[in-house]
Amino acid sequence: MDWSSTTRRAQSIVARYPGQSKVLVYYDPADPSEAVLEPGSQSGLALLYAAGGVFAVGGFFFLIMSLTGHVRMG
């Protein structure tokens, strides 16, 4: 799982597909605008969404608790 997004990494990916070369493209027949050259798991993205959801739910919980007087600042 690669969590980084760097110029060097992007250039290494681009170098695998020189101009005018023939490539195999994977696409969604229901929506051909959704296409990739290198299919793979999106589990890293799902994990980031899940972590964000946990923080959002926690923040909402503490907001409600503070508005109802259960949590006091200071």
Foldseek 3Di string as FASTA:
>chain_A
DDPDDDPVVVVVVVVVPDPPDDADKDADPVDRVRIDRDDDDPVVVVVVVVVVVVVVVVVVVVVVCVVVPNDDDD
